[in-house]
Amino acid sequence: MSVVARYDEIRAIYVTSEAWSSGVGRALVLQAKILLQASGFKTCSLWVFPQNDRAIKFYTAAGFVHDGVAAKSFTLGSQTRQEIRFISPLSI
């Protein structure tokens, strides 16, 4: 019996600032959602720096919502950073 996880994670999407507002980011997120859905996943998640208002606005417009899970912390160099999780159903 094969069991498919209910959700997967988009680990990173980076678009150079020269391409912001061009549709490239939207196309990447849409393609990721299509591939995840085709693989049997029902939901996807991603993590965002809570102070990155531009990314939060972008992901919210793409159908993601903050799910209220506690922020996760990690160390980058000598600094501790936090990220918050957003989720989206994969019904495209």
N, C-alpha and C. Protein backbone atom coordinates (compact mmCIF):
# COMPACT_ATOMS: atom_id res chain seq x y z
N MET A 1 0.84 -1.18 0.00
CA MET A 1 0.00 0.00 0.00
C MET A 1 0.88 1.23 0.00
N SER A 2 0.59 2.17 -0.89
CA SER A 2 1.36 3.40 -0.99
C SER A 2 0.61 4.54 -0.29
N VAL A 3 1.31 5.27 0.51
CA VAL A 3 0.71 6.39 1.22
C VAL A 3 1.38 7.67 0.73
N VAL A 4 0.57 8.62 0.30
CA VAL A 4 1.09 9.91 -0.16
C VAL A 4 0.86 10.93 0.94
N ALA A 5 1.90 11.69 1.26
CA ALA A 5 1.75 12.75 2.26
C ALA A 5 0.69 13.74 1.80
N ARG A 6 0.03 14.35 2.74
CA ARG A 6 -1.03 15.29 2.41
C ARG A 6 -0.50 16.63 1.90
N TYR A 7 0.70 17.00 2.33
CA TYR A 7 1.24 18.28 1.86
C TYR A 7 2.73 18.19 1.63
N ASP A 8 3.22 19.11 0.84
CA ASP A 8 4.65 19.24 0.61
C ASP A 8 4.98 20.73 0.73
N GLU A 9 6.25 21.03 0.61
CA GLU A 9 6.71 22.40 0.86
C GLU A 9 7.41 22.96 -0.36
N ILE A 10 7.12 24.21 -0.66
CA ILE A 10 7.92 24.96 -1.64
C ILE A 10 9.08 25.51 -0.83
N ARG A 11 10.29 25.09 -1.15
CA ARG A 11 11.43 25.44 -0.32
C ARG A 11 11.96 26.84 -0.60
N ALA A 12 11.96 27.26 -1.86
CA ALA A 12 12.49 28.59 -2.17
C ALA A 12 12.07 29.01 -3.56
N ILE A 13 11.72 30.27 -3.66
CA ILE A 13 11.50 30.91 -4.96
C ILE A 13 12.15 32.28 -4.86
N TYR A 14 13.13 32.50 -5.69
CA TYR A 14 13.80 33.80 -5.70
C TYR A 14 13.75 34.34 -7.12
N VAL A 15 13.33 35.59 -7.24
CA VAL A 15 13.28 36.27 -8.52
C VAL A 15 14.05 37.57 -8.36
N THR A 16 14.95 37.84 -9.28
CA THR A 16 15.73 39.07 -9.21
C THR A 16 14.80 40.29 -9.19
N SER A 17 15.20 41.32 -8.50
CA SER A 17 14.34 42.50 -8.33
C SER A 17 13.97 43.14 -9.68
N GLU A 18 14.81 42.97 -10.68
CA GLU A 18 14.49 43.52 -12.01
C GLU A 18 13.27 42.83 -12.62
N ALA A 19 12.96 41.62 -12.17
CA ALA A 19 11.82 40.88 -12.71
C ALA A 19 10.58 40.94 -11.82
N TRP A 20 10.66 41.68 -10.70
CA TRP A 20 9.49 41.82 -9.84
C TRP A 20 8.33 42.44 -10.62
N SER A 21 7.15 42.01 -10.33
CA SER A 21 5.90 42.50 -10.95
C SER A 21 5.82 42.19 -12.44
N SER A 22 6.60 41.21 -12.90
CA SER A 22 6.58 40.85 -14.32
C SER A 22 5.74 39.60 -14.59
N GLY A 23 5.34 38.90 -13.51
CA GLY A 23 4.60 37.66 -13.68
C GLY A 23 5.46 36.42 -13.54
N VAL A 24 6.77 36.58 -13.48
CA VAL A 24 7.67 35.43 -13.37
C VAL A 24 7.42 34.67 -12.06
N GLY A 25 7.34 35.38 -10.96
CA GLY A 25 7.09 34.73 -9.66
C GLY A 25 5.76 34.00 -9.64
N ARG A 26 4.73 34.64 -10.15
CA ARG A 26 3.40 34.00 -10.21
C ARG A 26 3.46 32.72 -11.04
N ALA A 27 4.17 32.76 -12.15
CA ALA A 27 4.29 31.58 -13.01
C ALA A 27 5.03 30.46 -12.27
N LEU A 28 6.07 30.79 -11.52
CA LEU A 28 6.82 29.78 -10.78
C LEU A 28 5.96 29.14 -9.70
N VAL A 29 5.22 29.95 -8.96
CA VAL A 29 4.36 29.41 -7.90
C VAL A 29 3.26 28.55 -8.51
N LEU A 30 2.65 29.00 -9.59
CA LEU A 30 1.60 28.23 -10.24
C LEU A 30 2.15 26.89 -10.73
N GLN A 31 3.32 26.90 -11.34
CA GLN A 31 3.91 25.65 -11.83
C GLN A 31 4.23 24.71 -10.67
N ALA A 32 4.75 25.25 -9.58
CA ALA A 32 5.03 24.41 -8.40
C ALA A 32 3.75 23.77 -7.89
N LYS A 33 2.66 24.56 -7.82
CA LYS A 33 1.38 24.03 -7.36
C LYS A 33 0.85 22.94 -8.30
N ILE A 34 0.98 23.15 -9.59
CA ILE A 34 0.53 22.16 -10.58
C ILE A 34 1.30 20.85 -10.40
N LEU A 35 2.62 20.94 -10.26
CA LEU A 35 3.44 19.74 -10.11
C LEU A 35 3.13 19.01 -8.80
N LEU A 36 2.95 19.76 -7.72
CA LEU A 36 2.62 19.14 -6.44
C LEU A 36 1.26 18.45 -6.50
N GLN A 37 0.28 19.13 -7.10
CA GLN A 37 -1.06 18.54 -7.21
C GLN A 37 -1.01 17.27 -8.07
N ALA A 38 -0.26 17.31 -9.16
CA ALA A 38 -0.15 16.14 -10.04
C ALA A 38 0.53 14.97 -9.32
N SER A 39 1.32 15.28 -8.30
CA SER A 39 1.98 14.24 -7.51
C SER A 39 1.11 13.72 -6.38
N GLY A 40 -0.12 14.23 -6.28
CA GLY A 40 -1.06 13.73 -5.29
C GLY A 40 -1.17 14.52 -4.01
N PHE A 41 -0.46 15.62 -3.92
CA PHE A 41 -0.54 16.43 -2.71
C PHE A 41 -1.81 17.28 -2.72
N LYS A 42 -2.33 17.56 -1.56
CA LYS A 42 -3.56 18.35 -1.41
C LYS A 42 -3.29 19.78 -0.97
N THR A 43 -2.15 19.99 -0.31
CA THR A 43 -1.80 21.29 0.26
C THR A 43 -0.30 21.50 0.13
N CYS A 44 0.11 22.74 -0.01
CA CYS A 44 1.54 23.03 0.05
C CYS A 44 1.78 24.14 1.06
N SER A 45 3.00 24.19 1.53
CA SER A 45 3.37 25.21 2.50
C SER A 45 4.68 25.85 2.06
N LEU A 46 4.97 26.98 2.69
CA LEU A 46 6.24 27.66 2.50
C LEU A 46 6.47 28.53 3.72
N TRP A 47 7.71 28.94 3.91
CA TRP A 47 8.09 29.73 5.07
C TRP A 47 8.58 31.09 4.59
N VAL A 48 8.20 32.14 5.33
CA VAL A 48 8.50 33.52 4.95
C VAL A 48 9.04 34.26 6.18
N PHE A 49 10.00 35.14 5.96
CA PHE A 49 10.44 36.01 7.05
C PHE A 49 9.28 36.94 7.40
N PRO A 50 8.89 37.04 8.67
CA PRO A 50 7.72 37.84 9.03
C PRO A 50 7.86 39.33 8.70
N GLN A 51 9.07 39.83 8.56
CA GLN A 51 9.26 41.24 8.22
C GLN A 51 9.28 41.48 6.70
N ASN A 52 9.14 40.43 5.90
CA ASN A 52 9.18 40.56 4.44
C ASN A 52 7.76 40.81 3.92
N ASP A 53 7.30 42.05 4.08
CA ASP A 53 5.94 42.41 3.69
C ASP A 53 5.66 42.16 2.21
N ARG A 54 6.64 42.41 1.37
CA ARG A 54 6.44 42.20 -0.07
C ARG A 54 6.16 40.73 -0.37
N ALA A 55 6.95 39.82 0.22
CA ALA A 55 6.74 38.38 0.00
C ALA A 55 5.40 37.94 0.58
N ILE A 56 5.05 38.43 1.75
CA ILE A 56 3.78 38.06 2.36
C ILE A 56 2.62 38.50 1.47
N LYS A 57 2.69 39.70 0.94
CA LYS A 57 1.64 40.19 0.03
C LYS A 57 1.58 39.32 -1.23
N PHE A 58 2.75 38.97 -1.78
CA PHE A 58 2.82 38.14 -2.97
C PHE A 58 2.19 36.77 -2.73
N TYR A 59 2.60 36.10 -1.65
CA TYR A 59 2.08 34.76 -1.38
C TYR A 59 0.59 34.78 -1.01
N THR A 60 0.16 35.82 -0.33
CA THR A 60 -1.26 35.95 -0.02
C THR A 60 -2.07 36.07 -1.31
N ALA A 61 -1.58 36.87 -2.25
CA ALA A 61 -2.26 37.01 -3.55
C ALA A 61 -2.26 35.69 -4.32
N ALA A 62 -1.29 34.82 -4.05
CA ALA A 62 -1.20 33.52 -4.72
C ALA A 62 -2.01 32.45 -4.00
N GLY A 63 -2.77 32.84 -2.97
CA GLY A 63 -3.67 31.90 -2.31
C GLY A 63 -3.14 31.30 -1.01
N PHE A 64 -2.03 31.77 -0.52
CA PHE A 64 -1.47 31.27 0.73
C PHE A 64 -2.00 32.07 1.91
N VAL A 65 -2.13 31.42 3.05
CA VAL A 65 -2.53 32.08 4.29
C VAL A 65 -1.61 31.62 5.41
N HIS A 66 -1.36 32.53 6.33
CA HIS A 66 -0.57 32.15 7.53
C HIS A 66 -1.43 31.20 8.33
N ASP A 67 -0.87 30.05 8.68
CA ASP A 67 -1.68 29.04 9.35
C ASP A 67 -1.61 29.10 10.87
N GLY A 68 -0.88 30.05 11.42
CA GLY A 68 -0.84 30.22 12.86
C GLY A 68 0.16 29.33 13.58
N VAL A 69 0.86 28.47 12.84
CA VAL A 69 1.89 27.64 13.47
C VAL A 69 2.98 28.57 14.01
N ALA A 70 3.54 28.20 15.14
CA ALA A 70 4.60 29.01 15.75
C ALA A 70 5.75 29.21 14.76
N ALA A 71 6.35 30.38 14.83
CA ALA A 71 7.51 30.68 13.98
C ALA A 71 8.62 29.69 14.28
N LYS A 72 9.40 29.37 13.25
CA LYS A 72 10.57 28.53 13.47
C LYS A 72 11.80 29.41 13.41
N SER A 73 12.78 29.07 14.21
CA SER A 73 14.02 29.84 14.30
C SER A 73 15.16 29.04 13.73
N PHE A 74 16.12 29.75 13.16
CA PHE A 74 17.35 29.12 12.69
C PHE A 74 18.46 30.15 12.76
N THR A 75 19.68 29.68 12.75
CA THR A 75 20.83 30.57 12.82
C THR A 75 21.45 30.69 11.45
N LEU A 76 21.68 31.91 11.04
CA LEU A 76 22.33 32.20 9.77
C LEU A 76 23.53 33.08 10.09
N GLY A 77 24.71 32.52 9.94
CA GLY A 77 25.90 33.23 10.40
C GLY A 77 25.84 33.36 11.91
N SER A 78 25.88 34.58 12.38
CA SER A 78 25.81 34.80 13.83
C SER A 78 24.45 35.31 14.27
N GLN A 79 23.49 35.36 13.35
CA GLN A 79 22.17 35.90 13.67
C GLN A 79 21.11 34.81 13.70
N THR A 80 20.19 34.94 14.64
CA THR A 80 19.05 34.05 14.70
C THR A 80 17.92 34.69 13.91
N ARG A 81 17.33 33.94 13.02
CA ARG A 81 16.23 34.40 12.17
C ARG A 81 14.99 33.60 12.48
N GLN A 82 13.83 34.16 12.14
CA GLN A 82 12.58 33.45 12.29
C GLN A 82 11.83 33.46 10.96
N GLU A 83 11.05 32.41 10.75
CA GLU A 83 10.18 32.32 9.58
C GLU A 83 8.80 31.89 10.06
N ILE A 84 7.77 32.32 9.32
CA ILE A 84 6.41 31.91 9.62
C ILE A 84 5.88 31.11 8.43
N ARG A 85 5.00 30.15 8.71
CA ARG A 85 4.52 29.25 7.67
C ARG A 85 3.20 29.73 7.07
N PHE A 86 3.15 29.64 5.75
CA PHE A 86 1.93 29.90 4.98
C PHE A 86 1.56 28.62 4.27
N ILE A 87 0.27 28.37 4.10
CA ILE A 87 -0.19 27.18 3.41
C ILE A 87 -1.20 27.57 2.32
N SER A 88 -1.36 26.68 1.35
CA SER A 88 -2.33 26.89 0.28
C SER A 88 -2.87 25.55 -0.17
N PRO A 89 -4.19 25.47 -0.37
CA PRO A 89 -4.73 24.26 -0.99
C PRO A 89 -4.25 24.18 -2.43
N LEU A 90 -4.19 22.98 -2.97
CA LEU A 90 -3.70 22.80 -4.33
C LEU A 90 -4.82 22.62 -5.35
N SER A 91 -6.00 23.08 -5.01
CA SER A 91 -7.07 23.09 -6.01
C SER A 91 -6.87 24.32 -6.86
N ILE A 92 -6.33 24.10 -8.05
CA ILE A 92 -5.92 25.21 -8.93
C ILE A 92 -7.04 25.57 -9.88
